[in-house]
Amino acid sequence: MSPVRQGTALPAGVNRELVPLAAEDGGLLDGVLYEPAARGRTALVLMHPSVSFHHHYALIPLAERGFTALGLDSRFAGNDAALTM
Protein backbone atom coordinates (compact mmCIF):
# COMPACT_ATOMS: atom_id res chain seq x y z
CA MET A 1 0.00 0.00 0.00
CA SER A 2 1.17 3.55 -0.69
CA PRO A 3 2.60 5.34 2.38
CA VAL A 4 0.46 8.35 1.44
CA ARG A 5 -2.88 6.56 1.20
CA GLN A 6 -4.31 4.70 4.16
CA GLY A 7 -6.38 1.58 3.78
CA THR A 8 -10.07 1.32 4.55
CA ALA A 9 -9.64 -1.51 7.07
CA LEU A 10 -9.56 -0.29 10.64
CA PRO A 11 -7.05 -1.55 13.18
CA ALA A 12 -8.38 -3.51 16.14
CA GLY A 13 -9.79 -1.20 18.79
CA VAL A 14 -10.73 1.66 16.44
CA ASN A 15 -14.34 2.40 15.50
CA ARG A 16 -15.56 4.65 12.68
CA GLU A 17 -18.95 6.34 12.41
CA LEU A 18 -20.38 8.71 9.80
CA VAL A 19 -21.70 11.86 11.50
CA PRO A 20 -24.13 14.17 9.65
CA LEU A 21 -24.25 17.60 11.30
CA ALA A 22 -26.27 20.78 10.76
CA ALA A 23 -24.85 24.25 11.38
CA GLU A 24 -26.84 26.83 13.28
CA ASP A 25 -27.94 28.44 10.00
CA GLY A 26 -29.11 25.09 8.59
CA GLY A 27 -26.02 24.36 6.48
CA LEU A 28 -25.26 20.66 6.29
CA LEU A 29 -21.85 19.25 7.19
CA ASP A 30 -20.50 15.72 7.00
CA GLY A 31 -18.01 14.20 9.35
CA VAL A 32 -16.38 10.90 10.17
CA LEU A 33 -15.74 10.09 13.81
CA TYR A 34 -12.86 7.77 14.71
CA GLU A 35 -12.96 6.50 18.28
CA PRO A 36 -10.78 4.21 20.34
CA ALA A 37 -12.66 1.30 21.91
CA ALA A 38 -11.73 2.68 25.33
CA ARG A 39 -12.88 6.27 25.00
CA GLY A 40 -10.38 8.85 26.08
CA ARG A 41 -10.99 12.28 27.57
CA THR A 42 -9.63 14.27 24.62
CA ALA A 43 -11.27 14.82 21.24
CA LEU A 44 -9.76 16.52 18.21
CA VAL A 45 -11.42 18.07 15.15
CA LEU A 46 -9.52 18.12 11.86
CA MET A 47 -11.02 20.35 9.19
CA HIS A 48 -10.01 22.37 6.14
CA PRO A 49 -12.24 25.00 4.54
CA SER A 50 -12.22 23.54 1.02
CA VAL A 51 -10.92 19.95 1.20
CA SER A 52 -12.58 16.82 2.57
CA PHE A 53 -10.91 15.55 5.74
CA HIS A 54 -12.87 12.27 5.96
CA HIS A 55 -9.72 10.29 5.21
CA HIS A 56 -7.04 12.53 6.71
CA TYR A 57 -3.90 10.50 7.37
CA ALA A 58 -3.82 11.41 11.09
CA LEU A 59 -7.34 10.24 12.05
CA ILE A 60 -6.68 6.53 12.49
CA PRO A 61 -3.28 6.95 14.23
CA LEU A 62 -4.87 9.45 16.64
CA ALA A 63 -7.66 7.00 17.48
CA GLU A 64 -5.08 4.23 17.93
CA ARG A 65 -3.37 6.45 20.51
CA GLY A 66 -6.57 6.98 22.52
CA PHE A 67 -7.96 10.21 21.04
CA THR A 68 -11.43 10.64 19.57
CA ALA A 69 -10.86 12.31 16.20
CA LEU A 70 -13.47 13.91 13.94
CA GLY A 71 -12.61 14.50 10.29
CA LEU A 72 -15.04 17.24 9.32
CA ASP A 73 -15.95 18.69 5.92
CA SER A 74 -16.98 22.30 5.64
CA ARG A 75 -19.90 23.32 3.47
CA PHE A 76 -17.33 24.40 0.85
CA ALA A 77 -15.50 21.07 0.48
CA GLY A 78 -14.99 20.46 -3.22
CA ASN A 79 -16.54 23.81 -4.18
CA ASP A 80 -14.76 26.90 -2.87
CA ALA A 81 -16.40 29.43 -5.23
CA ALA A 82 -18.28 31.04 -2.30
CA LEU A 83 -15.51 30.48 0.27
CA THR A 84 -14.35 33.54 2.18
CA MET A 85 -11.20 33.09 4.24
PDB file of N, CA and C in Angstrom:
ATOM      1  N   MET A   1       0.847  -1.180   0.000  1.00  0.00           N
ATOM      2  CA  MET A   1       0.000   0.000   0.000  1.00  0.00           C
ATOM      3  C   MET A   1       0.892   1.242   0.000  1.00  0.00           C
ATOM      4  N   SER A   2       0.442   2.282  -0.640  1.00  0.00           N
ATOM      5  CA  SER A   2       1.171   3.548  -0.688  1.00  0.00           C
ATOM      6  C   SER A   2       1.294   4.141   0.709  1.00  0.00           C
ATOM      7  N   PRO A   3       2.461   4.715   1.056  1.00  0.00           N
ATOM      8  CA  PRO A   3       2.596   5.337   2.376  1.00  0.00           C
ATOM      9  C   PRO A   3       1.744   6.595   2.522  1.00  0.00           C
ATOM     10  N   VAL A   4       1.270   7.134   1.413  1.00  0.00           N
ATOM     11  CA  VAL A   4       0.463   8.353   1.444  1.00  0.00           C
ATOM     12  C   VAL A   4      -1.009   8.035   1.656  1.00  0.00           C
ATOM     13  N   ARG A   5      -1.457   6.916   1.143  1.00  0.00           N
ATOM     14  CA  ARG A   5      -2.879   6.558   1.197  1.00  0.00           C
ATOM     15  C   ARG A   5      -3.109   5.473   2.239  1.00  0.00           C
ATOM     16  N   GLN A   6      -4.018   5.721   3.153  1.00  0.00           N
ATOM     17  CA  GLN A   6      -4.308   4.701   4.159  1.00  0.00           C
ATOM     18  C   GLN A   6      -5.389   3.758   3.656  1.00  0.00           C
ATOM     19  N   GLY A   7      -5.387   2.560   4.163  1.00  0.00           N
ATOM     20  CA  GLY A   7      -6.385   1.578   3.780  1.00  0.00           C
ATOM     21  C   GLY A   7      -7.728   1.864   4.426  1.00  0.00           C
ATOM     22  N   THR A   8      -8.731   1.130   3.989  1.00  0.00           N
ATOM     23  CA  THR A   8     -10.066   1.319   4.550  1.00  0.00           C
ATOM     24  C   THR A   8     -10.316   0.417   5.749  1.00  0.00           C
ATOM     25  N   ALA A   9      -9.489  -0.619   5.918  1.00  0.00           N
ATOM     26  CA  ALA A   9      -9.641  -1.510   7.066  1.00  0.00           C
ATOM     27  C   ALA A   9      -9.161  -0.785   8.317  1.00  0.00           C
ATOM     28  N   LEU A  10      -9.921  -0.937   9.381  1.00  0.00           N
ATOM     29  CA  LEU A  10      -9.556  -0.286  10.635  1.00  0.00           C
ATOM     30  C   LEU A  10      -8.753  -1.243  11.513  1.00  0.00           C
ATOM     31  N   PRO A  11      -7.776  -0.706  12.230  1.00  0.00           N
ATOM     32  CA  PRO A  11      -7.049  -1.553  13.177  1.00  0.00           C
ATOM     33  C   PRO A  11      -7.964  -1.978  14.325  1.00  0.00           C
ATOM     34  N   ALA A  12      -7.604  -3.045  14.982  1.00  0.00           N
ATOM     35  CA  ALA A  12      -8.377  -3.511  16.140  1.00  0.00           C
ATOM     36  C   ALA A  12      -8.445  -2.409  17.185  1.00  0.00           C
ATOM     37  N   GLY A  13      -9.636  -2.201  17.740  1.00  0.00           N
ATOM     38  CA  GLY A  13      -9.793  -1.204  18.789  1.00  0.00           C
ATOM     39  C   GLY A  13     -10.145   0.183  18.302  1.00  0.00           C
ATOM     40  N   VAL A  14     -10.340   0.361  16.983  1.00  0.00           N
ATOM     41  CA  VAL A  14     -10.730   1.662  16.436  1.00  0.00           C
ATOM     42  C   VAL A  14     -12.087   1.515  15.762  1.00  0.00           C
ATOM     43  N   ASN A  15     -13.008   2.387  16.101  1.00  0.00           N
ATOM     44  CA  ASN A  15     -14.343   2.397  15.496  1.00  0.00           C
ATOM     45  C   ASN A  15     -14.507   3.645  14.640  1.00  0.00           C
ATOM     46  N   ARG A  16     -15.303   3.518  13.575  1.00  0.00           N
ATOM     47  CA  ARG A  16     -15.560   4.651  12.678  1.00  0.00           C
ATOM     48  C   ARG A  16     -17.062   4.804  12.519  1.00  0.00           C
ATOM     49  N   GLU A  17     -17.526   6.054  12.552  1.00  0.00           N
ATOM     50  CA  GLU A  17     -18.953   6.340  12.412  1.00  0.00           C
ATOM     51  C   GLU A  17     -19.132   7.596  11.560  1.00  0.00           C
ATOM     52  N   LEU A  18     -20.029   7.528  10.592  1.00  0.00           N
ATOM     53  CA  LEU A  18     -20.379   8.714   9.805  1.00  0.00           C
ATOM     54  C   LEU A  18     -21.267   9.607  10.653  1.00  0.00           C
ATOM     55  N   VAL A  19     -20.984  10.914  10.631  1.00  0.00           N
ATOM     56  CA  VAL A  19     -21.702  11.856  11.495  1.00  0.00           C
ATOM     57  C   VAL A  19     -22.242  13.004  10.650  1.00  0.00           C
ATOM     58  N   PRO A  20     -23.546  13.018  10.343  1.00  0.00           N
ATOM     59  CA  PRO A  20     -24.130  14.169   9.653  1.00  0.00           C
ATOM     60  C   PRO A  20     -24.429  15.262  10.686  1.00  0.00           C
ATOM     61  N   LEU A  21     -24.048  16.483  10.386  1.00  0.00           N
ATOM     62  CA  LEU A  21     -24.254  17.603  11.301  1.00  0.00           C
ATOM     63  C   LEU A  21     -24.952  18.738  10.575  1.00  0.00           C
ATOM     64  N   ALA A  22     -25.627  19.581  11.323  1.00  0.00           N
ATOM     65  CA  ALA A  22     -26.266  20.778  10.764  1.00  0.00           C
ATOM     66  C   ALA A  22     -25.742  21.997  11.520  1.00  0.00           C
ATOM     67  N   ALA A  23     -25.309  23.004  10.775  1.00  0.00           N
ATOM     68  CA  ALA A  23     -24.851  24.248  11.379  1.00  0.00           C
ATOM     69  C   ALA A  23     -26.049  25.037  11.893  1.00  0.00           C
ATOM     70  N   GLU A  24     -25.775  26.023  12.687  1.00  0.00           N
ATOM     71  CA  GLU A  24     -26.840  26.831  13.280  1.00  0.00           C
ATOM     72  C   GLU A  24     -27.739  27.473  12.217  1.00  0.00           C
ATOM     73  N   ASP A  25     -27.151  27.811  11.059  1.00  0.00           N
ATOM     74  CA  ASP A  25     -27.936  28.438   9.996  1.00  0.00           C
ATOM     75  C   ASP A  25     -28.584  27.421   9.060  1.00  0.00           C
ATOM     76  N   GLY A  26     -28.474  26.125   9.398  1.00  0.00           N
ATOM     77  CA  GLY A  26     -29.110  25.087   8.587  1.00  0.00           C
ATOM     78  C   GLY A  26     -28.183  24.450   7.571  1.00  0.00           C
ATOM     79  N   GLY A  27     -26.971  24.967   7.407  1.00  0.00           N
ATOM     80  CA  GLY A  27     -26.023  24.364   6.477  1.00  0.00           C
ATOM     81  C   GLY A  27     -25.649  22.965   6.925  1.00  0.00           C
ATOM     82  N   LEU A  28     -25.552  22.053   5.964  1.00  0.00           N
ATOM     83  CA  LEU A  28     -25.261  20.658   6.286  1.00  0.00           C
ATOM     84  C   LEU A  28     -23.768  20.379   6.176  1.00  0.00           C
ATOM     85  N   LEU A  29     -23.259  19.632   7.139  1.00  0.00           N
ATOM     86  CA  LEU A  29     -21.852  19.253   7.189  1.00  0.00           C
ATOM     87  C   LEU A  29     -21.771  17.745   7.369  1.00  0.00           C
ATOM     88  N   ASP A  30     -20.722  17.153   6.832  1.00  0.00           N
ATOM     89  CA  ASP A  30     -20.497  15.719   6.996  1.00  0.00           C
ATOM     90  C   ASP A  30     -19.200  15.507   7.749  1.00  0.00           C
ATOM     91  N   GLY A  31     -19.209  14.536   8.607  1.00  0.00           N
ATOM     92  CA  GLY A  31     -18.008  14.203   9.349  1.00  0.00           C
ATOM     93  C   GLY A  31     -17.870  12.711   9.510  1.00  0.00           C
ATOM     94  N   VAL A  32     -16.664  12.298   9.849  1.00  0.00           N
ATOM     95  CA  VAL A  32     -16.379  10.903  10.172  1.00  0.00           C
ATOM     96  C   VAL A  32     -15.674  10.894  11.514  1.00  0.00           C
ATOM     97  N   LEU A  33     -16.252  10.159  12.458  1.00  0.00           N
ATOM     98  CA  LEU A  33     -15.736  10.093  13.814  1.00  0.00           C
ATOM     99  C   LEU A  33     -14.956   8.790  13.988  1.00  0.00           C
ATOM    100  N   TYR A  34     -13.708   8.920  14.397  1.00  0.00           N
ATOM    101  CA  TYR A  34     -12.861   7.774  14.708  1.00  0.00           C
ATOM    102  C   TYR A  34     -12.681   7.745  16.220  1.00  0.00           C
ATOM    103  N   GLU A  35     -13.025   6.609  16.829  1.00  0.00           N
ATOM    104  CA  GLU A  35     -12.957   6.504  18.285  1.00  0.00           C
ATOM    105  C   GLU A  35     -12.179   5.265  18.698  1.00  0.00           C
ATOM    106  N   PRO A  36     -11.389   5.415  19.766  1.00  0.00           N
ATOM    107  CA  PRO A  36     -10.781   4.215  20.337  1.00  0.00           C
ATOM    108  C   PRO A  36     -11.849   3.431  21.090  1.00  0.00           C
ATOM    109  N   ALA A  37     -11.680   2.127  21.191  1.00  0.00           N
ATOM    110  CA  ALA A  37     -12.660   1.297  21.907  1.00  0.00           C
ATOM    111  C   ALA A  37     -12.807   1.769  23.350  1.00  0.00           C
ATOM    112  N   ALA A  38     -11.699   2.111  23.979  1.00  0.00           N
ATOM    113  CA  ALA A  38     -11.729   2.684  25.329  1.00  0.00           C
ATOM    114  C   ALA A  38     -11.662   4.199  25.168  1.00  0.00           C
ATOM    115  N   ARG A  39     -12.812   4.833  25.258  1.00  0.00           N
ATOM    116  CA  ARG A  39     -12.882   6.272  25.001  1.00  0.00           C
ATOM    117  C   ARG A  39     -11.972   7.061  25.933  1.00  0.00           C
ATOM    118  N   GLY A  40     -11.247   7.976  25.319  1.00  0.00           N
ATOM    119  CA  GLY A  40     -10.378   8.853  26.085  1.00  0.00           C
ATOM    120  C   GLY A  40     -11.124  10.112  26.513  1.00  0.00           C
ATOM    121  N   ARG A  41     -10.394  11.039  27.094  1.00  0.00           N
ATOM    122  CA  ARG A  41     -10.990  12.282  27.568  1.00  0.00           C
ATOM    123  C   ARG A  41     -10.753  13.436  26.601  1.00  0.00           C
ATOM    124  N   THR A  42      -9.991  13.196  25.534  1.00  0.00           N
ATOM    125  CA  THR A  42      -9.635  14.269  24.615  1.00  0.00           C
ATOM    126  C   THR A  42     -10.161  13.955  23.229  1.00  0.00           C
ATOM    127  N   ALA A  43     -10.781  14.959  22.619  1.00  0.00           N
ATOM    128  CA  ALA A  43     -11.266  14.818  21.244  1.00  0.00           C
ATOM    129  C   ALA A  43     -10.632  15.912  20.390  1.00  0.00           C
ATOM    130  N   LEU A  44     -10.372  15.583  19.140  1.00  0.00           N
ATOM    131  CA  LEU A  44      -9.759  16.517  18.208  1.00  0.00           C
ATOM    132  C   LEU A  44     -10.640  16.640  16.970  1.00  0.00           C
ATOM    133  N   VAL A  45     -10.694  17.833  16.398  1.00  0.00           N
ATOM    134  CA  VAL A  45     -11.420  18.066  15.154  1.00  0.00           C
ATOM    135  C   VAL A  45     -10.405  18.488  14.102  1.00  0.00           C
ATOM    136  N   LEU A  46     -10.389  17.774  12.976  1.00  0.00           N
ATOM    137  CA  LEU A  46      -9.520  18.119  11.859  1.00  0.00           C
ATOM    138  C   LEU A  46     -10.410  18.576  10.719  1.00  0.00           C
ATOM    139  N   MET A  47     -10.148  19.764  10.216  1.00  0.00           N
ATOM    140  CA  MET A  47     -11.020  20.355   9.190  1.00  0.00           C
ATOM    141  C   MET A  47     -10.217  21.313   8.330  1.00  0.00           C
ATOM    142  N   HIS A  48     -10.585  21.401   7.079  1.00  0.00           N
ATOM    143  CA  HIS A  48     -10.013  22.370   6.137  1.00  0.00           C
ATOM    144  C   HIS A  48     -11.177  23.033   5.425  1.00  0.00           C
ATOM    145  N   PRO A  49     -11.083  24.321   5.117  1.00  0.00           N
ATOM    146  CA  PRO A  49     -12.240  25.001   4.537  1.00  0.00           C
ATOM    147  C   PRO A  49     -12.692  24.483   3.173  1.00  0.00           C
ATOM    148  N   SER A  50     -11.783  23.918   2.366  1.00  0.00           N
ATOM    149  CA  SER A  50     -12.222  23.543   1.025  1.00  0.00           C
ATOM    150  C   SER A  50     -11.859  22.116   0.607  1.00  0.00           C
ATOM    151  N   VAL A  51     -11.338  21.314   1.523  1.00  0.00           N
ATOM    152  CA  VAL A  51     -10.924  19.946   1.201  1.00  0.00           C
ATOM    153  C   VAL A  51     -11.587  18.980   2.176  1.00  0.00           C
ATOM    154  N   SER A  52     -12.004  17.831   1.698  1.00  0.00           N
ATOM    155  CA  SER A  52     -12.585  16.817   2.572  1.00  0.00           C
ATOM    156  C   SER A  52     -11.518  16.244   3.497  1.00  0.00           C
ATOM    157  N   PHE A  53     -11.836  16.131   4.779  1.00  0.00           N
ATOM    158  CA  PHE A  53     -10.915  15.546   5.744  1.00  0.00           C
ATOM    159  C   PHE A  53     -11.434  14.208   6.268  1.00  0.00           C
ATOM    160  N   HIS A  54     -12.340  13.570   5.535  1.00  0.00           N
ATOM    161  CA  HIS A  54     -12.871  12.272   5.963  1.00  0.00           C
ATOM    162  C   HIS A  54     -11.791  11.209   6.068  1.00  0.00           C
ATOM    163  N   HIS A  55     -10.759  11.318   5.244  1.00  0.00           N
ATOM    164  CA  HIS A  55      -9.717  10.291   5.208  1.00  0.00           C
ATOM    165  C   HIS A  55      -8.353  10.884   5.534  1.00  0.00           C
ATOM    166  N   HIS A  56      -8.320  11.907   6.360  1.00  0.00           N
ATOM    167  CA  HIS A  56      -7.042  12.528   6.714  1.00  0.00           C
ATOM    168  C   HIS A  56      -6.120  11.473   7.329  1.00  0.00           C
ATOM    169  N   TYR A  57      -4.854  11.533   6.960  1.00  0.00           N
ATOM    170  CA  TYR A  57      -3.903  10.499   7.368  1.00  0.00           C
ATOM    171  C   TYR A  57      -3.707  10.404   8.881  1.00  0.00           C
ATOM    172  N   ALA A  58      -4.050  11.425   9.640  1.00  0.00           N
ATOM    173  CA  ALA A  58      -3.820  11.405  11.089  1.00  0.00           C
ATOM    174  C   ALA A  58      -4.987  10.821  11.882  1.00  0.00           C
ATOM    175  N   LEU A  59      -6.161  10.656  11.292  1.00  0.00           N
ATOM    176  CA  LEU A  59      -7.344  10.241  12.047  1.00  0.00           C
ATOM    177  C   LEU A  59      -7.194   8.868  12.701  1.00  0.00           C
ATOM    178  N   ILE A  60      -6.807   7.877  11.931  1.00  0.00           N
ATOM    179  CA  ILE A  60      -6.676   6.526  12.487  1.00  0.00           C
ATOM    180  C   ILE A  60      -5.538   6.451  13.506  1.00  0.00           C
ATOM    181  N   PRO A  61      -4.348   6.984  13.207  1.00  0.00           N
ATOM    182  CA  PRO A  61      -3.285   6.947  14.227  1.00  0.00           C
ATOM    183  C   PRO A  61      -3.669   7.675  15.518  1.00  0.00           C
ATOM    184  N   LEU A  62      -4.429   8.758  15.429  1.00  0.00           N
ATOM    185  CA  LEU A  62      -4.870   9.453  16.640  1.00  0.00           C
ATOM    186  C   LEU A  62      -5.801   8.563  17.460  1.00  0.00           C
ATOM    187  N   ALA A  63      -6.742   7.901  16.771  1.00  0.00           N
ATOM    188  CA  ALA A  63      -7.661   6.997  17.475  1.00  0.00           C
ATOM    189  C   ALA A  63      -6.905   5.818  18.082  1.00  0.00           C
ATOM    190  N   GLU A  64      -5.884   5.320  17.388  1.00  0.00           N
ATOM    191  CA  GLU A  64      -5.076   4.225  17.934  1.00  0.00           C
ATOM    192  C   GLU A  64      -4.352   4.649  19.214  1.00  0.00           C
ATOM    193  N   ARG A  65      -4.082   5.930  19.343  1.00  0.00           N
ATOM    194  CA  ARG A  65      -3.369   6.449  20.514  1.00  0.00           C
ATOM    195  C   ARG A  65      -4.312   6.944  21.615  1.00  0.00           C
ATOM    196  N   GLY A  66      -5.631   6.681  21.455  1.00  0.00           N
ATOM    197  CA  GLY A  66      -6.571   6.978  22.518  1.00  0.00           C
ATOM    198  C   GLY A  66      -7.367   8.263  22.386  1.00  0.00           C
ATOM    199  N   PHE A  67      -7.214   8.972  21.262  1.00  0.00           N
ATOM    200  CA  PHE A  67      -7.961  10.209  21.044  1.00  0.00           C
ATOM    201  C   PHE A  67      -9.194   9.934  20.193  1.00  0.00           C
ATOM    202  N   THR A  68     -10.283  10.622  20.486  1.00  0.00           N
ATOM    203  CA  THR A  68     -11.425  10.637  19.575  1.00  0.00           C
ATOM    204  C   THR A  68     -11.118  11.710  18.545  1.00  0.00           C
ATOM    205  N   ALA A  69     -11.241  11.370  17.263  1.00  0.00           N
ATOM    206  CA  ALA A  69     -10.863  12.306  16.203  1.00  0.00           C
ATOM    207  C   ALA A  69     -12.002  12.418  15.188  1.00  0.00           C
ATOM    208  N   LEU A  70     -12.406  13.642  14.908  1.00  0.00           N
ATOM    209  CA  LEU A  70     -13.470  13.913  13.943  1.00  0.00           C
ATOM    210  C   LEU A  70     -12.866  14.572  12.713  1.00  0.00           C
ATOM    211  N   GLY A  71     -12.998  13.920  11.576  1.00  0.00           N
ATOM    212  CA  GLY A  71     -12.614  14.502  10.292  1.00  0.00           C
ATOM    213  C   GLY A  71     -13.850  15.173   9.728  1.00  0.00           C
ATOM    214  N   LEU A  72     -13.841  16.484   9.661  1.00  0.00           N
ATOM    215  CA  LEU A  72     -15.044  17.241   9.325  1.00  0.00           C
ATOM    216  C   LEU A  72     -14.878  17.983   8.000  1.00  0.00           C
ATOM    217  N   ASP A  73     -15.904  17.906   7.159  1.00  0.00           N
ATOM    218  CA  ASP A  73     -15.945  18.687   5.919  1.00  0.00           C
ATOM    219  C   ASP A  73     -16.658  19.999   6.206  1.00  0.00           C
ATOM    220  N   SER A  74     -16.225  21.055   5.558  1.00  0.00           N
ATOM    221  CA  SER A  74     -16.984  22.303   5.635  1.00  0.00           C
ATOM    222  C   SER A  74     -18.038  22.279   4.536  1.00  0.00           C
ATOM    223  N   ARG A  75     -18.888  23.252   4.527  1.00  0.00           N
ATOM    224  CA  ARG A  75     -19.897  23.316   3.469  1.00  0.00           C
ATOM    225  C   ARG A  75     -19.293  23.659   2.110  1.00  0.00           C
ATOM    226  N   PHE A  76     -18.003  24.024   2.091  1.00  0.00           N
ATOM    227  CA  PHE A  76     -17.333  24.405   0.850  1.00  0.00           C
ATOM    228  C   PHE A  76     -16.421  23.312   0.312  1.00  0.00           C
ATOM    229  N   ALA A  77     -16.386  22.145   0.939  1.00  0.00           N
ATOM    230  CA  ALA A  77     -15.502  21.072   0.482  1.00  0.00           C
ATOM    231  C   ALA A  77     -15.817  20.706  -0.959  1.00  0.00           C
ATOM    232  N   GLY A  78     -14.815  20.792  -1.803  1.00  0.00           N
ATOM    233  CA  GLY A  78     -14.986  20.458  -3.224  1.00  0.00           C
ATOM    234  C   GLY A  78     -15.594  21.582  -4.050  1.00  0.00           C
ATOM    235  N   ASN A  79     -15.953  22.703  -3.430  1.00  0.00           N
ATOM    236  CA  ASN A  79     -16.540  23.814  -4.176  1.00  0.00           C
ATOM    237  C   ASN A  79     -16.270  25.096  -3.386  1.00  0.00           C
ATOM    238  N   ASP A  80     -15.135  25.716  -3.653  1.00  0.00           N
ATOM    239  CA  ASP A  80     -14.760  26.902  -2.870  1.00  0.00           C
ATOM    240  C   ASP A  80     -15.106  28.220  -3.558  1.00  0.00           C
ATOM    241  N   ALA A  81     -16.036  28.201  -4.514  1.00  0.00           N
ATOM    242  CA  ALA A  81     -16.403  29.427  -5.229  1.00  0.00           C
ATOM    243  C   ALA A  81     -16.965  30.487  -4.278  1.00  0.00           C
ATOM    244  N   ALA A  82     -17.684  30.073  -3.228  1.00  0.00           N
ATOM    245  CA  ALA A  82     -18.279  31.037  -2.296  1.00  0.00           C
ATOM    246  C   ALA A  82     -17.491  31.142  -0.989  1.00  0.00           C
ATOM    247  N   LEU A  83     -16.316  30.505  -0.949  1.00  0.00           N
ATOM    248  CA  LEU A  83     -15.509  30.481   0.269  1.00  0.00           C
ATOM    249  C   LEU A  83     -14.865  31.835   0.531  1.00  0.00           C
ATOM    250  N   THR A  84     -15.029  32.332   1.741  1.00  0.00           N
ATOM    251  CA  THR A  84     -14.348  33.540   2.182  1.00  0.00           C
ATOM    252  C   THR A  84     -13.434  33.166   3.332  1.00  0.00           C
ATOM    253  N   MET A  85     -12.151  33.440   3.178  1.00  0.00           N
ATOM    254  CA  MET A  85     -11.196  33.089   4.243  1.00  0.00           C
ATOM    255  C   MET A  85     -10.728  34.356   4.921  1.00  0.00           C
TER     256      MET A  85
END
